[in-house]
Amino acid sequence: MYIDYLYNHPKYVETVSNWICNEFVIESEKNSKKLEQITEYFSKPHYMLVPNIEVKVLQRS
């Protein structure tokens, strides 16, 4: 297991974007545009921004 930037794991961007949208976007503001904006944001590198967007990656052997 290791911690890495979400940007380095594009296959997880949509999943994480959905989690964020479901947990933190106000119900009345939820729409596909908001999800698109979140997904677009998480798809770009933000190495120098705070907070960093990181994920824990489990290695399967």
Protein backbone atom coordinates (compact mmCIF):
# COMPACT_ATOMS: atom_id res chain seq x y z
CA MET A 1 0.00 0.00 0.00
CA TYR A 2 1.18 3.51 -0.77
CA ILE A 3 -0.12 7.07 -1.02
CA ASP A 4 -0.02 8.75 -4.41
CA TYR A 5 -1.63 11.62 -6.28
CA LEU A 6 -5.05 10.89 -7.72
CA TYR A 7 -3.88 12.37 -11.02
CA ASN A 8 -1.49 9.42 -11.41
CA HIS A 9 -4.43 6.99 -11.27
CA PRO A 10 -6.97 8.21 -13.84
CA LYS A 11 -9.09 5.08 -13.58
CA TYR A 12 -10.14 6.21 -10.06
CA VAL A 13 -10.95 9.84 -10.89
CA GLU A 14 -14.59 9.18 -11.75
CA THR A 15 -15.15 7.09 -8.62
CA VAL A 16 -13.61 9.69 -6.32
CA SER A 17 -15.50 12.49 -8.10
CA ASN A 18 -18.78 10.67 -7.49
CA TRP A 19 -17.94 10.20 -3.81
CA ILE A 20 -17.12 13.87 -3.40
CA CYS A 21 -20.24 14.97 -5.24
CA ASN A 22 -22.49 12.64 -3.22
CA GLU A 23 -20.99 13.60 0.12
CA PHE A 24 -20.27 17.31 -0.19
CA VAL A 25 -22.40 18.93 -2.87
CA ILE A 26 -25.64 20.38 -1.53
CA GLU A 27 -28.60 18.31 -2.68
CA SER A 28 -30.27 21.26 -4.41
CA GLU A 29 -27.09 21.97 -6.39
CA LYS A 30 -26.47 18.41 -7.59
CA ASN A 31 -26.53 18.07 -11.33
CA SER A 32 -24.36 16.63 -14.07
CA LYS A 33 -22.56 19.96 -14.54
CA LYS A 34 -21.30 19.91 -10.92
CA LEU A 35 -20.08 16.34 -11.33
CA GLU A 36 -18.35 17.29 -14.59
CA GLN A 37 -16.61 20.20 -12.85
CA ILE A 38 -15.42 17.99 -10.00
CA THR A 39 -14.21 15.29 -12.39
CA GLU A 40 -12.38 17.85 -14.51
CA TYR A 41 -10.71 19.33 -11.43
CA PHE A 42 -9.54 15.94 -10.17
CA SER A 43 -8.26 14.97 -13.62
CA LYS A 44 -5.63 17.70 -13.57
CA PRO A 45 -2.36 17.71 -11.63
CA HIS A 46 -2.48 19.85 -8.49
CA TYR A 47 0.85 18.95 -6.92
CA MET A 48 1.48 22.39 -5.48
CA LEU A 49 -2.03 23.16 -4.27
CA VAL A 50 -3.27 22.73 -0.75
CA PRO A 51 -4.99 20.48 -0.02
CA ASN A 52 -3.34 17.88 -2.19
CA ILE A 53 -5.57 15.28 -3.79
CA GLU A 54 -4.16 11.91 -2.82
CA VAL A 55 -5.40 8.36 -2.70
CA LYS A 56 -4.29 5.23 -0.94
CA VAL A 57 -3.44 2.52 -3.47
CA LEU A 58 -3.53 -1.13 -2.48
CA GLN A 59 -1.14 -3.32 -4.39
CA ARG A 60 -2.45 -6.74 -5.22
CA SER A 61 0.03 -9.52 -5.50
